[in-house]
Amino acid sequence: MARVINLSRGNAVLVENLEFAITFGKRFLGLMGRRAINPRGGLLLQPCRSVHTFWMRFPIDLVYLDPAFRVVALLENVPPSRMAPGNRHTRSVLELPAGRLRETGTSAGDILRIE
């Protein structure tokens, strides 16, 4: 399984169990209907510029990434039933358990890598 490393934070592991949503169906479903997200997991939606949390049961952190996997924007602790704003520089969005961004110190401008 893939993981996400934050190169700008001393190779901090942001995600240990990365899931991919690269088809329309998988992007549409995302994390909807799940009871929880793995505390060290994440879902990469690609291509994607914005997301929503309708029909979700838990809050999430969002990482907006450009084509080079540079963090262009972050949203922390987005509750269920919200529409997250889009970002025109975004190529993909990484959905994480709420609090994961704070735990890893991830911030705008950081460079991520998928292994």
Protein backbone atom coordinates (compact mmCIF):
# COMPACT_ATOMS: atom_id res chain seq x y z
CA MET A 1 0.00 0.00 0.00
CA ALA A 2 1.19 3.53 -0.74
CA ARG A 3 2.05 6.17 1.80
CA VAL A 4 2.46 9.95 1.72
CA ILE A 5 5.66 11.60 2.96
CA ASN A 6 6.03 15.31 3.70
CA LEU A 7 9.47 16.16 2.31
CA SER A 8 9.34 19.66 3.79
CA ARG A 9 8.89 18.31 7.34
CA GLY A 10 11.85 15.95 7.54
CA ASN A 11 10.10 13.12 5.67
CA ALA A 12 7.25 13.02 8.18
CA VAL A 13 4.77 10.30 7.31
CA LEU A 14 1.44 11.97 6.65
CA VAL A 15 -0.39 8.82 5.48
CA GLU A 16 0.61 5.18 5.94
CA ASN A 17 -2.33 3.57 4.12
CA LEU A 18 -3.22 5.66 1.08
CA GLU A 19 -6.29 4.86 -0.99
CA PHE A 20 -6.74 6.27 -4.50
CA ALA A 21 -9.94 7.64 -6.03
CA ILE A 22 -9.04 8.17 -9.68
CA THR A 23 -12.25 7.10 -11.40
CA PHE A 24 -15.44 9.15 -11.45
CA GLY A 25 -17.28 6.56 -9.34
CA LYS A 26 -14.60 6.36 -6.65
CA ARG A 27 -14.25 10.16 -6.51
CA PHE A 28 -18.03 10.52 -6.25
CA LEU A 29 -18.25 8.06 -3.34
CA GLY A 30 -15.09 9.19 -1.59
CA LEU A 31 -15.51 8.59 2.15
CA MET A 32 -19.32 8.74 2.12
CA GLY A 33 -21.07 6.09 4.14
CA ARG A 34 -17.99 4.97 6.08
CA ARG A 35 -18.12 4.88 9.86
CA ALA A 36 -14.58 6.24 10.20
CA ILE A 37 -11.28 6.71 8.41
CA ASN A 38 -8.15 4.84 9.42
CA PRO A 39 -6.23 7.15 11.83
CA ARG A 40 -3.12 6.75 9.63
CA GLY A 41 -5.07 6.50 6.37
CA GLY A 42 -6.01 8.90 3.64
CA LEU A 43 -7.84 9.15 0.33
CA LEU A 44 -6.33 10.90 -2.71
CA LEU A 45 -8.93 12.21 -5.15
CA GLN A 46 -7.40 12.88 -8.56
CA PRO A 47 -8.22 14.88 -10.61
CA CYS A 48 -10.11 17.02 -8.13
CA ARG A 49 -10.38 20.73 -7.25
CA SER A 50 -12.99 20.72 -4.50
CA VAL A 51 -14.85 18.28 -2.25
CA HIS A 52 -17.89 18.07 -0.01
CA THR A 53 -18.60 16.19 3.20
CA PHE A 54 -22.30 15.46 2.62
CA TRP A 55 -23.36 12.00 3.82
CA MET A 56 -20.19 11.63 5.87
CA ARG A 57 -20.20 10.72 9.56
CA PHE A 58 -16.96 12.34 10.73
CA PRO A 59 -14.86 15.49 10.20
CA ILE A 60 -11.79 15.43 7.95
CA ASP A 61 -8.70 17.48 7.12
CA LEU A 62 -8.19 18.46 3.47
CA VAL A 63 -4.95 19.04 1.59
CA TYR A 64 -5.18 20.74 -1.82
CA LEU A 65 -2.24 19.79 -4.05
CA ASP A 66 -0.88 21.22 -7.30
CA PRO A 67 0.49 18.96 -10.08
CA ALA A 68 3.92 18.82 -8.36
CA PHE A 69 2.29 17.72 -5.05
CA ARG A 70 2.98 21.08 -3.44
CA VAL A 71 0.39 21.99 -0.79
CA VAL A 72 -1.54 25.00 -2.13
CA ALA A 73 -4.24 25.11 0.57
CA LEU A 74 -5.40 23.34 3.73
CA LEU A 75 -8.67 23.00 5.59
CA GLU A 76 -8.71 21.48 9.05
CA ASN A 77 -11.52 19.69 10.83
CA VAL A 78 -14.16 20.09 8.11
CA PRO A 79 -17.41 18.76 9.62
CA PRO A 80 -19.98 16.60 7.81
CA SER A 81 -22.53 18.24 5.50
CA ARG A 82 -20.26 21.01 4.19
CA MET A 83 -19.13 22.11 0.76
CA ALA A 84 -15.39 22.86 0.84
CA PRO A 85 -14.24 25.71 -1.38
CA GLY A 86 -12.35 24.88 -4.54
CA ASN A 87 -8.92 26.11 -5.57
CA ARG A 88 -8.03 26.77 -9.20
CA HIS A 89 -4.39 25.72 -8.68
CA THR A 90 -5.42 22.33 -7.31
CA ARG A 91 -4.91 19.10 -9.24
CA SER A 92 -5.79 16.69 -6.43
CA VAL A 93 -7.21 16.68 -2.90
CA LEU A 94 -6.00 14.49 -0.06
CA GLU A 95 -8.63 13.65 2.59
CA LEU A 96 -7.24 12.84 6.03
CA PRO A 97 -8.55 12.12 9.52
CA ALA A 98 -9.30 15.33 11.39
CA GLY A 99 -6.27 16.48 13.36
CA ARG A 100 -3.68 14.81 11.12
CA LEU A 101 -2.47 18.12 9.65
CA ARG A 102 -1.85 19.53 13.11
CA GLU A 103 -0.08 16.34 14.24
CA THR A 104 2.36 16.45 11.31
CA GLY A 105 2.80 20.23 11.11
CA THR A 106 1.85 20.20 7.42
CA SER A 107 1.37 23.69 5.97
CA ALA A 108 0.91 25.51 2.67
CA GLY A 109 4.00 25.32 0.47
CA ASP A 110 5.09 21.90 1.76
CA ILE A 111 6.07 19.30 -0.84
CA LEU A 112 4.56 15.81 -0.52
CA ARG A 113 5.62 12.56 -2.14
CA ILE A 114 3.76 9.30 -2.65
CA GLU A 115 5.81 6.14 -2.07
